[in-house]
Amino acid sequence: MKSVITVKLDEELNRMLSERAAREGRSKSFYVREGLIQYLEDLEDIEAAEAGYKDWAADNFKTHRWEDVRSRLGLDD
């Protein structure tokens, strides 16, 4: 099921969106939807990176040699 929302854009952003949509033969809704998907995915990536950094910091920034990681994962050649 699709939902309808209203978005207020300033004139410049609306102009840019309208021009892009016309140039590419897509709807403005397509670009708003795609942009929102990308933005939300980026936020999830940032949250995952921050969580990973916190875990690394909690482990006193311990690092592992690449060869040891490959060996532990059974990826030795």
N, C-alpha and C. Protein backbone atom coordinates (compact mmCIF):
# COMPACT_ATOMS: atom_id res chain seq x y z
N MET A 1 0.84 -1.18 0.00
CA MET A 1 0.00 0.00 0.00
C MET A 1 0.88 1.24 0.00
N LYS A 2 0.54 2.19 -0.82
CA LYS A 2 1.30 3.42 -0.89
C LYS A 2 0.61 4.51 -0.09
N SER A 3 1.41 5.39 0.47
CA SER A 3 0.90 6.53 1.22
C SER A 3 1.25 7.81 0.48
N VAL A 4 0.43 8.80 0.65
CA VAL A 4 0.68 10.11 0.05
C VAL A 4 1.10 11.06 1.16
N ILE A 5 2.19 11.79 0.92
CA ILE A 5 2.64 12.80 1.87
C ILE A 5 2.81 14.12 1.12
N THR A 6 2.86 15.18 1.86
CA THR A 6 3.08 16.50 1.28
C THR A 6 4.45 16.99 1.72
N VAL A 7 5.20 17.52 0.77
CA VAL A 7 6.53 18.04 1.05
C VAL A 7 6.58 19.48 0.57
N LYS A 8 7.05 20.37 1.42
CA LYS A 8 7.20 21.76 1.02
C LYS A 8 8.65 21.99 0.60
N LEU A 9 8.82 22.50 -0.62
CA LEU A 9 10.15 22.78 -1.16
C LEU A 9 10.28 24.26 -1.44
N ASP A 10 11.47 24.79 -1.23
CA ASP A 10 11.67 26.17 -1.64
C ASP A 10 11.71 26.22 -3.17
N GLU A 11 11.58 27.42 -3.72
CA GLU A 11 11.46 27.57 -5.17
C GLU A 11 12.65 27.00 -5.91
N GLU A 12 13.85 27.23 -5.41
CA GLU A 12 15.05 26.76 -6.09
C GLU A 12 15.11 25.23 -6.14
N LEU A 13 14.83 24.59 -5.02
CA LEU A 13 14.85 23.13 -4.99
C LEU A 13 13.75 22.56 -5.89
N ASN A 14 12.58 23.16 -5.88
CA ASN A 14 11.50 22.71 -6.75
C ASN A 14 11.87 22.88 -8.22
N ARG A 15 12.54 23.99 -8.55
CA ARG A 15 12.99 24.22 -9.92
C ARG A 15 13.98 23.14 -10.34
N MET A 16 14.95 22.87 -9.48
CA MET A 16 15.95 21.85 -9.78
C MET A 16 15.31 20.48 -9.97
N LEU A 17 14.38 20.15 -9.09
CA LEU A 17 13.69 18.87 -9.16
C LEU A 17 12.85 18.77 -10.43
N SER A 18 12.14 19.83 -10.75
CA SER A 18 11.31 19.84 -11.96
C SER A 18 12.14 19.69 -13.22
N GLU A 19 13.27 20.40 -13.27
CA GLU A 19 14.15 20.31 -14.44
C GLU A 19 14.73 18.92 -14.59
N ARG A 20 15.16 18.33 -13.49
CA ARG A 20 15.72 16.97 -13.55
C ARG A 20 14.67 15.98 -14.02
N ALA A 21 13.48 16.07 -13.45
CA ALA A 21 12.39 15.16 -13.81
C ALA A 21 12.06 15.29 -15.30
N ALA A 22 11.98 16.51 -15.80
CA ALA A 22 11.66 16.73 -17.21
C ALA A 22 12.78 16.20 -18.10
N ARG A 23 14.02 16.46 -17.72
CA ARG A 23 15.17 16.03 -18.51
C ARG A 23 15.26 14.50 -18.60
N GLU A 24 14.94 13.83 -17.52
CA GLU A 24 15.09 12.37 -17.47
C GLU A 24 13.80 11.62 -17.78
N GLY A 25 12.70 12.35 -17.90
CA GLY A 25 11.42 11.70 -18.18
C GLY A 25 10.88 10.91 -17.00
N ARG A 26 11.22 11.36 -15.80
CA ARG A 26 10.75 10.71 -14.58
C ARG A 26 9.85 11.69 -13.83
N SER A 27 9.10 11.17 -12.87
CA SER A 27 8.26 12.05 -12.06
C SER A 27 9.09 12.67 -10.94
N LYS A 28 8.61 13.78 -10.44
CA LYS A 28 9.26 14.38 -9.28
C LYS A 28 9.16 13.43 -8.09
N SER A 29 8.06 12.72 -7.98
CA SER A 29 7.90 11.75 -6.89
C SER A 29 8.99 10.68 -6.93
N PHE A 30 9.38 10.27 -8.13
CA PHE A 30 10.45 9.28 -8.25
C PHE A 30 11.72 9.77 -7.58
N TYR A 31 12.11 11.01 -7.87
CA TYR A 31 13.35 11.55 -7.32
C TYR A 31 13.25 11.80 -5.81
N VAL A 32 12.10 12.22 -5.36
CA VAL A 32 11.91 12.42 -3.92
C VAL A 32 12.01 11.07 -3.21
N ARG A 33 11.36 10.06 -3.76
CA ARG A 33 11.39 8.72 -3.17
C ARG A 33 12.81 8.16 -3.17
N GLU A 34 13.50 8.23 -4.31
CA GLU A 34 14.86 7.71 -4.41
C GLU A 34 15.82 8.46 -3.48
N GLY A 35 15.66 9.77 -3.41
CA GLY A 35 16.51 10.55 -2.52
C GLY A 35 16.28 10.21 -1.06
N LEU A 36 15.05 9.99 -0.70
CA LEU A 36 14.72 9.63 0.69
C LEU A 36 15.27 8.25 1.03
N ILE A 37 15.14 7.31 0.10
CA ILE A 37 15.70 5.97 0.32
C ILE A 37 17.20 6.07 0.56
N GLN A 38 17.89 6.81 -0.30
CA GLN A 38 19.35 6.95 -0.17
C GLN A 38 19.72 7.59 1.16
N TYR A 39 19.01 8.63 1.53
CA TYR A 39 19.29 9.34 2.78
C TYR A 39 19.10 8.42 3.99
N LEU A 40 18.00 7.68 4.01
CA LEU A 40 17.74 6.78 5.14
C LEU A 40 18.76 5.65 5.20
N GLU A 41 19.17 5.12 4.03
CA GLU A 41 20.21 4.10 4.01
C GLU A 41 21.53 4.66 4.51
N ASP A 42 21.84 5.89 4.14
CA ASP A 42 23.07 6.53 4.63
C ASP A 42 23.04 6.67 6.15
N LEU A 43 21.89 7.05 6.70
CA LEU A 43 21.78 7.16 8.16
C LEU A 43 22.01 5.82 8.84
N GLU A 44 21.48 4.75 8.26
CA GLU A 44 21.70 3.41 8.82
C GLU A 44 23.18 3.04 8.77
N ASP A 45 23.85 3.39 7.67
CA ASP A 45 25.29 3.12 7.55
C ASP A 45 26.07 3.88 8.60
N ILE A 46 25.70 5.13 8.83
CA ILE A 46 26.37 5.95 9.84
C ILE A 46 26.18 5.34 11.22
N GLU A 47 24.96 4.92 11.53
CA GLU A 47 24.69 4.30 12.83
C GLU A 47 25.51 3.03 13.01
N ALA A 48 25.62 2.21 11.96
CA ALA A 48 26.40 0.98 12.05
C ALA A 48 27.88 1.29 12.26
N ALA A 49 28.38 2.31 11.55
CA ALA A 49 29.78 2.70 11.71
C ALA A 49 30.05 3.21 13.12
N GLU A 50 29.13 4.01 13.64
CA GLU A 50 29.30 4.53 15.00
C GLU A 50 29.28 3.41 16.03
N ALA A 51 28.41 2.43 15.83
CA ALA A 51 28.35 1.29 16.75
C ALA A 51 29.64 0.49 16.68
N GLY A 52 30.15 0.29 15.47
CA GLY A 52 31.41 -0.43 15.31
C GLY A 52 32.56 0.30 15.96
N TYR A 53 32.57 1.62 15.82
CA TYR A 53 33.62 2.41 16.45
C TYR A 53 33.55 2.31 17.97
N LYS A 54 32.34 2.35 18.51
CA LYS A 54 32.18 2.23 19.97
C LYS A 54 32.67 0.87 20.46
N ASP A 55 32.36 -0.18 19.70
CA ASP A 55 32.84 -1.52 20.07
C ASP A 55 34.37 -1.57 20.03
N TRP A 56 34.95 -0.98 19.00
CA TRP A 56 36.41 -0.95 18.86
C TRP A 56 37.03 -0.16 20.01
N ALA A 57 36.43 0.98 20.35
CA ALA A 57 36.94 1.80 21.46
C ALA A 57 36.83 1.03 22.78
N ALA A 58 35.74 0.29 22.96
CA ALA A 58 35.56 -0.48 24.19
C ALA A 58 36.60 -1.59 24.31
N ASP A 59 37.14 -2.00 23.16
CA ASP A 59 38.19 -3.02 23.13
C ASP A 59 39.58 -2.37 23.09
N ASN A 60 39.64 -1.11 23.53
CA ASN A 60 40.90 -0.35 23.58
C ASN A 60 41.58 -0.24 22.21
N PHE A 61 40.77 -0.14 21.16
CA PHE A 61 41.27 0.06 19.79
C PHE A 61 42.23 -1.04 19.36
N LYS A 62 41.94 -2.26 19.82
CA LYS A 62 42.78 -3.40 19.48
C LYS A 62 42.66 -3.69 17.98
N THR A 63 43.79 -3.97 17.36
CA THR A 63 43.81 -4.31 15.94
C THR A 63 44.31 -5.73 15.77
N HIS A 64 44.10 -6.28 14.58
CA HIS A 64 44.52 -7.64 14.27
C HIS A 64 45.26 -7.63 12.94
N ARG A 65 46.29 -8.45 12.85
CA ARG A 65 47.01 -8.56 11.59
C ARG A 65 46.11 -9.24 10.56
N TRP A 66 46.20 -8.77 9.31
CA TRP A 66 45.38 -9.30 8.22
C TRP A 66 45.59 -10.81 8.08
N GLU A 67 46.81 -11.25 8.17
CA GLU A 67 47.10 -12.67 8.03
C GLU A 67 46.41 -13.49 9.12
N ASP A 68 46.38 -12.96 10.34
CA ASP A 68 45.73 -13.66 11.44
C ASP A 68 44.22 -13.76 11.23
N VAL A 69 43.64 -12.70 10.73
CA VAL A 69 42.19 -12.70 10.47
C VAL A 69 41.86 -13.71 9.38
N ARG A 70 42.62 -13.70 8.29
CA ARG A 70 42.40 -14.66 7.20
C ARG A 70 42.51 -16.10 7.72
N SER A 71 43.52 -16.35 8.54
CA SER A 71 43.74 -17.68 9.08
C SER A 71 42.57 -18.10 9.98
N ARG A 72 42.14 -17.19 10.86
CA ARG A 72 41.05 -17.49 11.79
C ARG A 72 39.75 -17.79 11.04
N LEU A 73 39.56 -17.13 9.89
CA LEU A 73 38.35 -17.34 9.10
C LEU A 73 38.48 -18.49 8.10
N GLY A 74 39.65 -19.14 8.10
CA GLY A 74 39.86 -20.25 7.18
C GLY A 74 40.02 -19.82 5.74
N LEU A 75 40.57 -18.63 5.52
CA LEU A 75 40.72 -18.10 4.17
C LEU A 75 42.16 -18.17 3.67
N ASP A 76 42.98 -18.93 4.35
CA ASP A 76 44.37 -19.08 3.91
C ASP A 76 44.41 -19.74 2.55
N ASP A 77 45.36 -19.31 1.75
CA ASP A 77 45.51 -19.90 0.40
C ASP A 77 46.16 -21.25 0.45
